[in-house]
N, C-alpha and C. Protein backbone atom coordinates (compact mmCIF):
# COMPACT_ATOMS: atom_id res chain seq x y z
N UNK A 1 6.63 3.83 9.99
CA UNK A 1 6.94 2.85 10.56
C UNK A 1 8.64 3.15 11.13
N UNK A 2 9.49 2.70 12.34
CA UNK A 2 10.40 3.26 12.51
C UNK A 2 11.55 2.40 11.28
N UNK A 3 12.61 3.58 11.16
CA UNK A 3 13.57 3.02 10.57
C UNK A 3 14.67 1.60 11.09
N UNK A 4 14.45 1.57 12.35
CA UNK A 4 15.20 0.36 12.78
C UNK A 4 14.51 -0.73 12.77
N UNK A 5 13.03 -0.57 12.98
CA UNK A 5 12.32 -1.66 12.80
C UNK A 5 12.17 -2.22 11.52
N UNK A 6 12.02 -1.13 10.10
CA UNK A 6 12.15 -1.76 8.88
C UNK A 6 13.29 -2.25 8.22
N UNK A 7 14.67 -2.12 9.06
CA UNK A 7 15.98 -2.65 8.92
C UNK A 7 15.56 -4.09 9.45
N UNK A 8 15.40 -4.17 10.69
CA UNK A 8 15.42 -5.47 10.98
C UNK A 8 14.20 -6.41 10.07
N UNK A 9 13.59 -6.05 9.83
CA UNK A 9 12.46 -7.08 8.69
C UNK A 9 13.37 -7.23 7.97
N UNK A 10 14.14 -6.01 7.28
CA UNK A 10 14.53 -6.53 5.89
C UNK A 10 15.75 -7.51 6.04
N UNK A 11 16.39 -7.18 6.99
CA UNK A 11 17.32 -8.21 7.52
C UNK A 11 16.87 -9.89 7.66
N UNK A 12 15.65 -9.64 8.51
CA UNK A 12 14.89 -11.13 8.54
C UNK A 12 14.38 -11.82 7.14
N UNK A 13 13.88 -10.93 6.28
CA UNK A 13 13.57 -11.35 5.07
C UNK A 13 14.78 -11.55 4.16
N UNK A 14 15.89 -11.07 4.21
CA UNK A 14 16.94 -11.61 3.63
C UNK A 14 17.50 -12.89 4.17
N UNK A 15 17.39 -13.05 5.60
CA UNK A 15 18.02 -14.20 6.31
C UNK A 15 17.02 -15.35 5.79
N UNK A 16 15.78 -15.31 5.84
CA UNK A 16 14.71 -16.19 5.51
C UNK A 16 14.83 -16.60 3.81
N UNK A 17 15.29 -15.68 2.89
CA UNK A 17 15.60 -16.30 1.83
C UNK A 17 16.65 -16.94 1.75
N UNK A 18 17.84 -16.69 2.36
CA UNK A 18 18.94 -17.39 2.12
C UNK A 18 18.91 -18.93 2.73
N UNK A 19 17.67 -19.15 3.38
CA UNK A 19 17.42 -20.44 3.96
C UNK A 19 16.61 -21.17 3.17
N UNK A 20 15.89 -20.39 2.14
CA UNK A 20 15.17 -21.35 1.32
C UNK A 20 16.23 -21.86 -0.22
N UNK A 21 17.34 -21.31 0.14
CA UNK A 21 18.54 -21.71 -1.30
C UNK A 21 17.82 -21.74 -2.51
N UNK A 22 16.83 -20.76 -2.79
CA UNK A 22 16.20 -20.39 -4.36
C UNK A 22 16.95 -19.48 -4.58
N UNK A 23 18.36 -19.58 -5.32
CA UNK A 23 18.93 -18.42 -6.19
C UNK A 23 18.10 -17.28 -6.49
N UNK A 24 16.79 -17.52 -7.60
CA UNK A 24 16.28 -16.13 -7.76
C UNK A 24 15.51 -15.74 -6.65
N UNK A 25 15.27 -16.65 -5.80
CA UNK A 25 14.51 -15.82 -4.83
C UNK A 25 15.53 -14.84 -3.73
N UNK A 26 16.92 -15.61 -3.44
CA UNK A 26 17.64 -14.81 -2.71
C UNK A 26 17.78 -13.43 -3.64
N UNK A 27 18.31 -13.94 -4.87
CA UNK A 27 18.61 -12.71 -5.60
C UNK A 27 17.43 -11.56 -5.43
N UNK A 28 16.25 -11.67 -5.88
CA UNK A 28 15.14 -10.52 -5.87
C UNK A 28 15.04 -10.26 -4.52
N UNK A 29 15.14 -11.03 -3.43
CA UNK A 29 14.90 -10.20 -2.15
C UNK A 29 16.24 -9.46 -1.70
N UNK A 30 17.17 -9.63 -2.26
CA UNK A 30 18.83 -9.01 -2.18
C UNK A 30 18.34 -7.68 -2.96
N UNK A 31 17.81 -8.11 -3.83
CA UNK A 31 17.58 -6.51 -4.82
C UNK A 31 16.65 -5.60 -4.29
N UNK A 32 15.48 -5.99 -3.79
CA UNK A 32 14.87 -5.26 -3.26
C UNK A 32 15.43 -4.96 -1.41
N UNK A 33 16.07 -5.53 -0.86
CA UNK A 33 16.73 -5.14 0.34
C UNK A 33 17.68 -4.02 -0.01
N UNK A 34 18.39 -4.07 -1.18
CA UNK A 34 19.50 -3.08 -1.59
C UNK A 34 18.79 -1.69 -1.49
N UNK A 35 17.59 -1.94 -2.44
CA UNK A 35 16.75 -0.67 -2.90
C UNK A 35 16.29 -0.10 -1.64
N UNK A 36 15.53 -0.41 -0.68
CA UNK A 36 15.07 -0.15 0.47
C UNK A 36 16.39 0.54 1.30
N UNK A 37 17.11 -0.45 1.58
CA UNK A 37 18.50 0.11 2.24
C UNK A 37 19.00 1.25 1.63
N UNK A 38 19.03 1.62 0.39
CA UNK A 38 19.84 2.86 -0.11
C UNK A 38 18.75 3.99 -0.21
N UNK A 39 17.28 3.66 0.04
CA UNK A 39 16.41 4.95 0.24
C UNK A 39 16.72 5.37 1.46
N UNK A 40 16.96 4.28 2.62
CA UNK A 40 17.21 4.77 3.91
C UNK A 40 18.37 5.19 4.66
N UNK A 41 19.29 5.19 3.55
CA UNK A 41 20.75 5.32 3.80
C UNK A 41 20.69 7.14 4.52
N UNK A 42 21.46 6.90 5.46
CA UNK A 42 21.61 8.25 6.41
C UNK A 42 20.48 8.57 7.44
N UNK A 43 19.33 7.99 7.29
CA UNK A 43 18.27 8.41 8.23
C UNK A 43 18.41 7.71 9.66
N UNK A 44 18.17 8.50 10.77
CA UNK A 44 18.80 7.70 12.06
C UNK A 44 17.71 6.92 12.19
N UNK A 45 18.11 5.84 13.02
CA UNK A 45 17.34 4.66 13.43
C UNK A 45 15.76 5.01 14.06
N UNK A 46 15.71 6.07 14.72
CA UNK A 46 14.33 6.46 15.19
C UNK A 46 13.52 7.35 14.34
N UNK A 47 14.01 7.51 13.01
CA UNK A 47 13.30 8.22 12.02
C UNK A 47 11.84 7.66 11.68
N UNK A 48 10.82 8.23 11.37
CA UNK A 48 9.48 7.49 11.22
C UNK A 48 9.75 7.97 9.70
N UNK A 49 9.29 6.55 9.02
CA UNK A 49 9.16 6.72 7.70
C UNK A 49 7.90 5.93 7.07
N UNK A 50 7.21 6.63 6.10
CA UNK A 50 6.35 5.66 5.22
C UNK A 50 7.00 4.67 4.13
N UNK A 51 6.85 3.50 3.98
CA UNK A 51 7.27 2.48 3.22
C UNK A 51 7.23 2.74 1.81
N UNK A 52 5.57 3.26 1.56
CA UNK A 52 5.28 3.44 0.15
C UNK A 52 5.80 4.79 -0.07
N UNK A 53 6.28 5.56 0.56
CA UNK A 53 6.61 6.99 0.20
C UNK A 53 8.34 7.29 0.15
N UNK A 54 8.97 5.96 0.49
CA UNK A 54 10.23 6.07 0.08
C UNK A 54 10.72 6.08 -1.21
N UNK A 55 11.85 7.14 -1.58
CA UNK A 55 12.11 7.45 -3.19
C UNK A 55 13.64 7.43 -3.11
N UNK A 56 13.89 7.54 -4.13
CA UNK A 56 15.25 7.47 -4.40
C UNK A 56 15.78 8.52 -5.87
N UNK A 57 17.06 9.09 -5.53
CA UNK A 57 17.33 10.50 -6.95
C UNK A 57 17.64 9.20 -7.69
N UNK A 58 18.05 9.69 -9.10
CA UNK A 58 18.54 9.43 -10.42
C UNK A 58 19.73 8.49 -9.82
N UNK A 59 20.75 8.90 -9.66
CA UNK A 59 21.94 8.40 -9.04
C UNK A 59 21.65 7.00 -8.20
N UNK A 60 20.97 7.51 -7.26
CA UNK A 60 20.34 6.27 -6.32
C UNK A 60 19.76 5.30 -6.79
N UNK A 61 19.05 5.38 -7.85
CA UNK A 61 17.94 4.51 -8.68
C UNK A 61 19.02 3.76 -9.51
N UNK A 62 20.14 4.69 -10.01
CA UNK A 62 20.87 4.06 -11.03
C UNK A 62 21.77 2.69 -10.14
N UNK A 63 22.17 3.17 -9.11
CA UNK A 63 22.96 2.22 -8.08
C UNK A 63 22.16 1.13 -7.87
N UNK A 64 20.95 1.18 -7.83
CA UNK A 64 20.21 -0.16 -7.28
C UNK A 64 20.07 -0.60 -8.58
N UNK A 65 19.55 -0.31 -9.41
CA UNK A 65 19.58 -1.00 -10.60
C UNK A 65 20.82 -1.73 -11.74
N UNK A 66 21.65 -1.02 -11.26
CA UNK A 66 23.11 -1.19 -12.09
C UNK A 66 23.27 -1.01 -13.02
N UNK A 67 22.66 0.24 -13.61
CA UNK A 67 22.38 1.05 -14.49
C UNK A 67 23.36 2.46 -14.41
N UNK A 68 23.67 3.09 -15.48
CA UNK A 68 23.95 4.26 -15.51
C UNK A 68 22.83 5.68 -15.52
N UNK A 69 23.14 6.42 -14.67
CA UNK A 69 22.17 7.40 -14.13
C UNK A 69 21.43 8.31 -15.70
N UNK A 70 22.10 7.91 -16.94
CA UNK A 70 21.47 8.74 -17.79
C UNK A 70 20.53 7.43 -18.42
N UNK A 71 20.89 6.59 -18.03
CA UNK A 71 20.05 5.19 -18.55
C UNK A 71 18.53 5.49 -17.99
N UNK A 72 18.82 5.78 -16.73
CA UNK A 72 17.68 5.83 -15.85
C UNK A 72 16.52 6.98 -15.85
N UNK A 73 17.47 8.05 -16.70
CA UNK A 73 16.84 9.38 -17.19
C UNK A 73 15.85 8.84 -18.28
N UNK A 74 16.59 7.93 -18.82
CA UNK A 74 16.13 7.86 -20.45
C UNK A 74 14.64 6.97 -20.36
N UNK A 75 15.01 5.81 -19.28
CA UNK A 75 13.69 4.87 -18.69
C UNK A 75 12.30 5.74 -18.21
N UNK A 76 12.83 7.00 -17.71
CA UNK A 76 11.72 7.91 -17.06
C UNK A 76 11.35 8.70 -18.53
N UNK A 77 12.13 9.30 -19.18
CA UNK A 77 11.53 10.12 -20.20
C UNK A 77 10.54 9.36 -21.17
N UNK A 78 11.24 8.00 -20.97
CA UNK A 78 10.31 6.97 -22.21
C UNK A 78 9.23 6.54 -21.87
N UNK A 79 9.17 6.95 -20.39
CA UNK A 79 7.67 6.37 -19.51
C UNK A 79 7.78 4.53 -19.08
N UNK A 80 9.19 4.27 -18.97
CA UNK A 80 9.16 2.69 -18.75
C UNK A 80 9.48 2.83 -17.26
N UNK A 81 9.71 4.01 -16.57
CA UNK A 81 10.07 4.38 -15.17
C UNK A 81 9.01 5.40 -14.79
N UNK A 82 8.30 5.35 -13.91
CA UNK A 82 7.66 6.64 -13.14
C UNK A 82 8.54 7.42 -11.92
N UNK A 83 8.47 8.73 -12.30
CA UNK A 83 9.13 9.64 -11.49
C UNK A 83 8.59 10.79 -11.42
N UNK A 84 8.99 11.45 -10.69
CA UNK A 84 8.42 12.94 -10.26
C UNK A 84 9.98 14.08 -10.48
N UNK A 85 9.50 15.03 -10.96
CA UNK A 85 10.64 16.26 -10.98
C UNK A 85 10.70 17.00 -9.97
N UNK A 86 11.67 17.08 -9.50
CA UNK A 86 12.29 17.58 -8.30
C UNK A 86 13.45 18.75 -8.81
N UNK A 87 13.43 19.80 -8.72
CA UNK A 87 14.83 20.72 -9.54
C UNK A 87 14.90 20.35 -10.53
N UNK A 88 16.45 19.89 -10.79
CA UNK A 88 17.00 19.58 -12.01
C UNK A 88 17.07 18.11 -12.15
N UNK A 89 16.11 17.45 -10.99
CA UNK A 89 16.48 15.99 -11.37
C UNK A 89 14.80 15.37 -11.08
N UNK A 90 14.80 13.91 -11.07
CA UNK A 90 13.83 12.95 -10.94
C UNK A 90 14.32 12.47 -9.47
N UNK A 91 12.81 12.15 -8.82
CA UNK A 91 12.64 11.09 -7.72
C UNK A 91 11.79 10.05 -7.85
N UNK A 92 12.39 8.78 -7.85
CA UNK A 92 11.75 7.59 -8.00
C UNK A 92 11.19 6.86 -6.78
N UNK A 93 10.03 6.34 -6.61
CA UNK A 93 9.38 5.92 -5.66
C UNK A 93 10.01 4.51 -5.83
N UNK A 94 10.67 3.96 -4.45
CA UNK A 94 11.15 2.64 -4.30
C UNK A 94 10.06 1.54 -4.98
N UNK A 95 8.94 1.75 -4.69
CA UNK A 95 7.85 0.62 -5.21
C UNK A 95 8.18 0.73 -6.58
N UNK A 96 8.08 1.72 -7.56
CA UNK A 96 8.15 1.62 -8.86
C UNK A 96 9.54 1.02 -9.17
N UNK A 97 10.30 0.64 -8.73
CA UNK A 97 11.64 -0.44 -9.18
C UNK A 97 11.17 -1.66 -9.27
N UNK A 98 10.22 -1.93 -8.47
CA UNK A 98 10.10 -3.69 -8.30
C UNK A 98 9.92 -4.24 -9.64
N UNK A 99 9.22 -3.43 -10.41
CA UNK A 99 9.22 -4.50 -11.80
C UNK A 99 10.23 -4.55 -12.89
N UNK A 100 11.16 -3.77 -12.54
CA UNK A 100 12.34 -3.52 -13.13
C UNK A 100 13.33 -4.77 -12.68
N UNK A 101 13.24 -4.77 -11.33
CA UNK A 101 14.19 -5.93 -10.29
C UNK A 101 13.50 -7.14 -10.59
N UNK A 102 12.22 -7.51 -10.68
CA UNK A 102 11.40 -8.33 -10.89
C UNK A 102 11.76 -9.04 -12.48
N UNK A 103 12.16 -8.27 -13.20
CA UNK A 103 12.49 -8.51 -14.59
C UNK A 103 13.67 -9.56 -14.94
N UNK A 104 14.60 -8.93 -14.20
CA UNK A 104 16.08 -9.62 -14.09
C UNK A 104 15.83 -11.11 -13.68
N UNK A 105 14.81 -11.09 -12.75
CA UNK A 105 14.86 -12.72 -12.31
C UNK A 105 13.78 -13.81 -12.86
N UNK A 106 12.90 -13.43 -14.03
CA UNK A 106 12.30 -13.97 -14.79
C UNK A 106 12.68 -15.47 -15.48
N UNK A 107 12.08 -16.52 -15.54
CA UNK A 107 12.66 -17.37 -16.04
C UNK A 107 13.14 -16.84 -17.86
N UNK A 108 13.90 -17.64 -18.30
CA UNK A 108 14.77 -17.23 -19.51
C UNK A 108 13.27 -17.53 -20.78
N UNK A 109 13.26 -16.69 -21.67
CA UNK A 109 12.08 -16.80 -22.43
C UNK A 109 11.04 -16.08 -22.38
N UNK A 110 10.54 -15.72 -21.04
CA UNK A 110 9.52 -14.84 -20.70
C UNK A 110 9.87 -13.27 -20.93
N UNK A 111 8.97 -12.82 -21.33
CA UNK A 111 9.00 -11.07 -21.92
C UNK A 111 9.50 -10.52 -20.88
N UNK A 112 10.68 -9.79 -20.92
CA UNK A 112 11.37 -8.69 -20.28
C UNK A 112 10.96 -7.59 -20.73
N UNK A 113 10.96 -6.16 -19.53
CA UNK A 113 10.87 -4.91 -20.08
C UNK A 113 11.74 -4.36 -21.09
N UNK A 114 11.28 -3.92 -22.04
CA UNK A 114 11.92 -3.30 -22.66
C UNK A 114 11.67 -1.64 -23.11
N UNK A 115 12.69 -0.85 -23.17
CA UNK A 115 12.27 0.71 -23.66
C UNK A 115 11.57 0.90 -24.68
N UNK A 116 10.63 1.66 -25.01
CA UNK A 116 9.86 1.71 -26.06
C UNK A 116 10.89 2.64 -27.14
N UNK A 117 10.75 2.53 -28.44
CA UNK A 117 11.65 2.93 -29.10
C UNK A 117 11.02 4.05 -30.11
């Protein structure tokens, strides 16, 4: 898919969520849009990308999740977040961030993802 088309679709999805006025829906859509936007940062509009192959560095994943990069590395090492090793760091598929993002927007009292000890 072309980056320009994907950016248009993300913008449309966020606009649709804003019209529904459902706070959690807007927040989750905004989080997902942010993740995809960060993954596509720096890519030219005419570049072709596979949506399910978009990945983030540890630092970029931390930015999206609102965590410190070392916390993201801990999530990876404990198996709570899948990633592949590239050089001295990790790469996280954007799709693998969805469960962590969705956990933020669950109803209070529902089970949340917690790192294993």
